[in-house]
Amino acid sequence: VVDSPWTSGPPRELALRIPPGAYRVDVAWADSPGLLDGSYYEHRECAATRLCVRDEPVVSWEVALGVGEDVSGPHAADAGFTAEEAMGCFA
């Protein structure tokens, strides 16, 4: 999980690193046509992105801690990520 780069506050650096290498990236696209000032338009944007680190099924989940964060600290209940004008996705 990675925070949105447009949120307030300093960016989070994740504590767990993925080894350098070539990884597959899957992208889900959303088409959302609209009407603006009487004109119809097409709009397409990325709805979710998945970095495939390995092909094995997921067997457990853990909190995505940033550098210096502690899962038992005072903000443990706030674990997760921030999204302003977006949606979150766990895949």
N, C-alpha and C. Protein backbone atom coordinates (compact mmCIF):
# COMPACT_ATOMS: atom_id res chain seq x y z
N VAL A 1 0.85 -1.18 0.00
CA VAL A 1 0.00 0.00 0.00
C VAL A 1 0.89 1.23 0.00
N VAL A 2 0.58 2.17 -0.84
CA VAL A 2 1.34 3.41 -0.92
C VAL A 2 0.37 4.56 -0.88
N ASP A 3 0.70 5.59 -0.12
CA ASP A 3 -0.16 6.76 -0.02
C ASP A 3 -0.23 7.54 -1.31
N SER A 4 -1.29 8.31 -1.43
CA SER A 4 -1.42 9.25 -2.53
C SER A 4 -0.36 10.33 -2.38
N PRO A 5 0.33 10.69 -3.47
CA PRO A 5 1.35 11.73 -3.36
C PRO A 5 0.76 13.13 -3.18
N TRP A 6 -0.58 13.28 -3.28
CA TRP A 6 -1.19 14.60 -3.20
C TRP A 6 -1.78 14.89 -1.83
N THR A 7 -1.57 14.05 -0.85
CA THR A 7 -2.10 14.31 0.49
C THR A 7 -1.17 15.25 1.24
N SER A 8 -1.71 15.86 2.28
CA SER A 8 -0.89 16.78 3.06
C SER A 8 0.07 16.00 3.96
N GLY A 9 1.14 16.63 4.35
CA GLY A 9 2.12 15.98 5.21
C GLY A 9 3.26 15.41 4.41
N PRO A 10 4.28 14.97 5.11
CA PRO A 10 5.44 14.41 4.40
C PRO A 10 5.10 13.07 3.76
N PRO A 11 5.75 12.72 2.66
CA PRO A 11 5.48 11.42 2.03
C PRO A 11 5.97 10.28 2.92
N ARG A 12 5.28 9.15 2.84
CA ARG A 12 5.68 7.98 3.62
C ARG A 12 6.65 7.14 2.82
N GLU A 13 7.72 6.75 3.46
CA GLU A 13 8.66 5.80 2.86
C GLU A 13 8.35 4.45 3.48
N LEU A 14 8.04 3.46 2.67
CA LEU A 14 7.68 2.15 3.20
C LEU A 14 8.90 1.47 3.80
N ALA A 15 8.68 0.78 4.92
CA ALA A 15 9.77 0.10 5.63
C ALA A 15 10.20 -1.19 4.91
N LEU A 16 9.25 -1.88 4.30
CA LEU A 16 9.55 -3.14 3.61
C LEU A 16 9.87 -2.83 2.15
N ARG A 17 10.99 -3.32 1.70
CA ARG A 17 11.44 -3.07 0.33
C ARG A 17 11.20 -4.29 -0.55
N ILE A 18 10.90 -4.05 -1.81
CA ILE A 18 10.78 -5.11 -2.80
C ILE A 18 12.12 -5.16 -3.53
N PRO A 19 12.69 -6.35 -3.68
CA PRO A 19 13.99 -6.46 -4.36
C PRO A 19 13.91 -5.90 -5.78
N PRO A 20 14.98 -5.27 -6.25
CA PRO A 20 15.00 -4.75 -7.62
C PRO A 20 14.76 -5.88 -8.61
N GLY A 21 14.10 -5.58 -9.69
CA GLY A 21 13.84 -6.58 -10.71
C GLY A 21 12.74 -6.13 -11.64
N ALA A 22 12.37 -7.00 -12.56
CA ALA A 22 11.28 -6.73 -13.50
C ALA A 22 10.02 -7.43 -12.97
N TYR A 23 8.93 -6.69 -12.81
CA TYR A 23 7.68 -7.22 -12.28
C TYR A 23 6.53 -6.85 -13.21
N ARG A 24 5.55 -7.74 -13.27
CA ARG A 24 4.35 -7.47 -14.08
C ARG A 24 3.48 -6.44 -13.35
N VAL A 25 2.88 -5.54 -14.11
CA VAL A 25 1.96 -4.55 -13.56
C VAL A 25 0.63 -4.70 -14.28
N ASP A 26 -0.45 -4.91 -13.53
CA ASP A 26 -1.79 -5.00 -14.08
C ASP A 26 -2.52 -3.69 -13.78
N VAL A 27 -3.26 -3.20 -14.77
CA VAL A 27 -3.99 -1.94 -14.60
C VAL A 27 -5.45 -2.18 -14.96
N ALA A 28 -6.36 -1.70 -14.11
CA ALA A 28 -7.80 -1.75 -14.39
C ALA A 28 -8.23 -0.34 -14.79
N TRP A 29 -8.89 -0.23 -15.94
CA TRP A 29 -9.32 1.07 -16.46
C TRP A 29 -10.80 1.26 -16.24
N ALA A 30 -11.22 2.49 -16.00
CA ALA A 30 -12.63 2.82 -15.81
C ALA A 30 -13.03 3.85 -16.87
N ASP A 31 -14.06 3.54 -17.62
CA ASP A 31 -14.62 4.49 -18.58
C ASP A 31 -15.77 5.21 -17.89
N SER A 32 -15.72 6.52 -17.89
CA SER A 32 -16.78 7.29 -17.24
C SER A 32 -17.19 8.45 -18.14
N PRO A 33 -18.09 8.16 -19.12
CA PRO A 33 -18.56 9.23 -19.99
C PRO A 33 -19.35 10.26 -19.20
N GLY A 34 -19.41 11.47 -19.72
CA GLY A 34 -20.13 12.52 -19.00
C GLY A 34 -20.73 13.53 -19.93
N LEU A 35 -21.45 14.47 -19.35
CA LEU A 35 -22.10 15.54 -20.08
C LEU A 35 -21.69 16.84 -19.42
N LEU A 36 -21.11 17.76 -20.17
CA LEU A 36 -20.65 19.04 -19.64
C LEU A 36 -21.07 20.14 -20.61
N ASP A 37 -21.82 21.09 -20.10
CA ASP A 37 -22.30 22.21 -20.92
C ASP A 37 -22.99 21.73 -22.20
N GLY A 38 -23.76 20.66 -22.08
CA GLY A 38 -24.51 20.14 -23.21
C GLY A 38 -23.71 19.28 -24.17
N SER A 39 -22.44 19.08 -23.88
CA SER A 39 -21.59 18.26 -24.77
C SER A 39 -21.23 16.95 -24.08
N TYR A 40 -21.34 15.87 -24.83
CA TYR A 40 -20.99 14.53 -24.34
C TYR A 40 -19.50 14.33 -24.51
N TYR A 41 -18.86 13.74 -23.52
CA TYR A 41 -17.42 13.46 -23.65
C TYR A 41 -17.10 12.10 -23.07
N GLU A 42 -16.01 11.52 -23.54
CA GLU A 42 -15.50 10.25 -23.03
C GLU A 42 -14.37 10.55 -22.05
N HIS A 43 -14.33 9.81 -20.98
CA HIS A 43 -13.24 9.97 -20.01
C HIS A 43 -12.81 8.59 -19.56
N ARG A 44 -11.52 8.34 -19.58
CA ARG A 44 -10.98 7.05 -19.15
C ARG A 44 -9.84 7.31 -18.19
N GLU A 45 -9.85 6.60 -17.06
CA GLU A 45 -8.77 6.76 -16.09
C GLU A 45 -8.44 5.44 -15.42
N CYS A 46 -7.27 5.39 -14.84
CA CYS A 46 -6.82 4.20 -14.13
C CYS A 46 -7.60 4.08 -12.82
N ALA A 47 -8.28 2.95 -12.63
CA ALA A 47 -9.05 2.73 -11.41
C ALA A 47 -8.24 1.98 -10.36
N ALA A 48 -7.32 1.14 -10.78
CA ALA A 48 -6.50 0.38 -9.84
C ALA A 48 -5.26 -0.13 -10.56
N THR A 49 -4.18 -0.23 -9.83
CA THR A 49 -2.93 -0.75 -10.36
C THR A 49 -2.41 -1.80 -9.40
N ARG A 50 -1.95 -2.91 -9.94
CA ARG A 50 -1.43 -4.00 -9.10
C ARG A 50 -0.01 -4.34 -9.56
N LEU A 51 0.92 -4.29 -8.64
CA LEU A 51 2.28 -4.73 -8.89
C LEU A 51 2.37 -6.19 -8.48
N CYS A 52 2.62 -7.07 -9.44
CA CYS A 52 2.66 -8.51 -9.18
C CYS A 52 4.09 -8.91 -8.83
N VAL A 53 4.35 -9.12 -7.55
CA VAL A 53 5.70 -9.43 -7.09
C VAL A 53 5.98 -10.92 -7.21
N ARG A 54 4.96 -11.75 -7.06
CA ARG A 54 5.12 -13.20 -7.24
C ARG A 54 3.79 -13.81 -7.64
N ASP A 55 3.82 -15.03 -8.14
CA ASP A 55 2.62 -15.67 -8.64
C ASP A 55 1.89 -16.51 -7.59
N GLU A 56 2.51 -16.76 -6.44
CA GLU A 56 1.87 -17.58 -5.42
C GLU A 56 0.69 -16.82 -4.80
N PRO A 57 -0.36 -17.56 -4.38
CA PRO A 57 -1.50 -16.91 -3.73
C PRO A 57 -1.09 -16.26 -2.40
N VAL A 58 -1.79 -15.22 -2.03
CA VAL A 58 -1.53 -14.54 -0.76
C VAL A 58 -2.02 -15.44 0.38
N VAL A 59 -1.19 -15.62 1.40
CA VAL A 59 -1.59 -16.45 2.54
C VAL A 59 -1.77 -15.63 3.81
N SER A 60 -1.28 -14.38 3.82
CA SER A 60 -1.49 -13.52 4.98
C SER A 60 -1.31 -12.07 4.57
N TRP A 61 -1.83 -11.17 5.41
CA TRP A 61 -1.72 -9.73 5.20
C TRP A 61 -1.05 -9.14 6.42
N GLU A 62 -0.33 -8.06 6.23
CA GLU A 62 0.23 -7.33 7.38
C GLU A 62 0.17 -5.84 7.08
N VAL A 63 0.24 -5.04 8.12
CA VAL A 63 0.17 -3.59 7.99
C VAL A 63 1.37 -3.10 7.19
N ALA A 64 1.13 -2.21 6.24
CA ALA A 64 2.22 -1.63 5.45
C ALA A 64 2.81 -0.46 6.24
N LEU A 65 3.84 -0.75 7.02
CA LEU A 65 4.44 0.26 7.87
C LEU A 65 5.42 1.13 7.11
N GLY A 66 5.43 2.41 7.47
CA GLY A 66 6.43 3.32 6.96
C GLY A 66 7.65 3.29 7.86
N VAL A 67 8.74 3.87 7.37
CA VAL A 67 9.97 3.95 8.16
C VAL A 67 9.66 4.70 9.45
N GLY A 68 10.05 4.12 10.59
CA GLY A 68 9.83 4.73 11.90
C GLY A 68 8.46 4.53 12.49
N GLU A 69 7.53 3.86 11.79
CA GLU A 69 6.19 3.60 12.33
C GLU A 69 6.20 2.30 13.11
N ASP A 70 5.32 2.23 14.11
CA ASP A 70 5.23 1.05 14.98
C ASP A 70 3.77 0.60 15.00
N VAL A 71 3.52 -0.67 14.70
CA VAL A 71 2.15 -1.19 14.64
C VAL A 71 1.44 -1.10 15.99
N SER A 72 2.20 -1.05 17.09
CA SER A 72 1.57 -0.95 18.41
C SER A 72 1.56 0.49 18.93
N GLY A 73 1.94 1.44 18.10
CA GLY A 73 2.01 2.84 18.51
C GLY A 73 0.64 3.47 18.64
N PRO A 74 0.61 4.76 18.99
CA PRO A 74 -0.66 5.45 19.25
C PRO A 74 -1.56 5.59 18.03
N HIS A 75 -1.02 5.45 16.84
CA HIS A 75 -1.82 5.60 15.63
C HIS A 75 -2.12 4.26 14.97
N ALA A 76 -2.01 3.18 15.71
CA ALA A 76 -2.23 1.85 15.14
C ALA A 76 -3.64 1.71 14.57
N ALA A 77 -4.63 2.36 15.19
CA ALA A 77 -6.01 2.28 14.70
C ALA A 77 -6.18 3.02 13.38
N ASP A 78 -5.25 3.90 13.04
CA ASP A 78 -5.33 4.66 11.80
C ASP A 78 -4.58 3.98 10.66
N ALA A 79 -4.20 2.72 10.84
CA ALA A 79 -3.44 2.02 9.80
C ALA A 79 -4.22 2.03 8.49
N GLY A 80 -3.51 2.21 7.43
CA GLY A 80 -4.15 2.26 6.12
C GLY A 80 -3.49 3.30 5.26
N PHE A 81 -4.27 3.99 4.46
CA PHE A 81 -3.72 5.00 3.59
C PHE A 81 -4.75 6.09 3.36
N THR A 82 -4.31 7.19 2.81
CA THR A 82 -5.16 8.34 2.56
C THR A 82 -5.41 8.47 1.08
N ALA A 83 -6.63 8.81 0.71
CA ALA A 83 -6.95 9.09 -0.68
C ALA A 83 -7.92 10.26 -0.70
N GLU A 84 -7.55 11.33 -1.40
CA GLU A 84 -8.42 12.50 -1.46
C GLU A 84 -9.50 12.34 -2.52
N GLU A 85 -9.11 12.40 -3.77
CA GLU A 85 -10.08 12.28 -4.86
C GLU A 85 -9.83 10.98 -5.63
N ALA A 86 -9.74 9.90 -4.88
CA ALA A 86 -9.43 8.64 -5.51
C ALA A 86 -10.11 7.52 -4.72
N MET A 87 -9.78 6.30 -5.06
CA MET A 87 -10.28 5.16 -4.30
C MET A 87 -9.10 4.28 -3.92
N GLY A 88 -9.30 3.50 -2.90
CA GLY A 88 -8.25 2.58 -2.48
C GLY A 88 -8.53 1.20 -3.01
N CYS A 89 -7.48 0.43 -3.19
CA CYS A 89 -7.65 -0.92 -3.74
C CYS A 89 -6.62 -1.85 -3.12
N PHE A 90 -7.07 -2.97 -2.60
CA PHE A 90 -6.18 -4.04 -2.17
C PHE A 90 -6.40 -5.17 -3.15
N ALA A 91 -5.33 -5.64 -3.78
CA ALA A 91 -5.49 -6.69 -4.79
C ALA A 91 -4.47 -7.79 -4.54
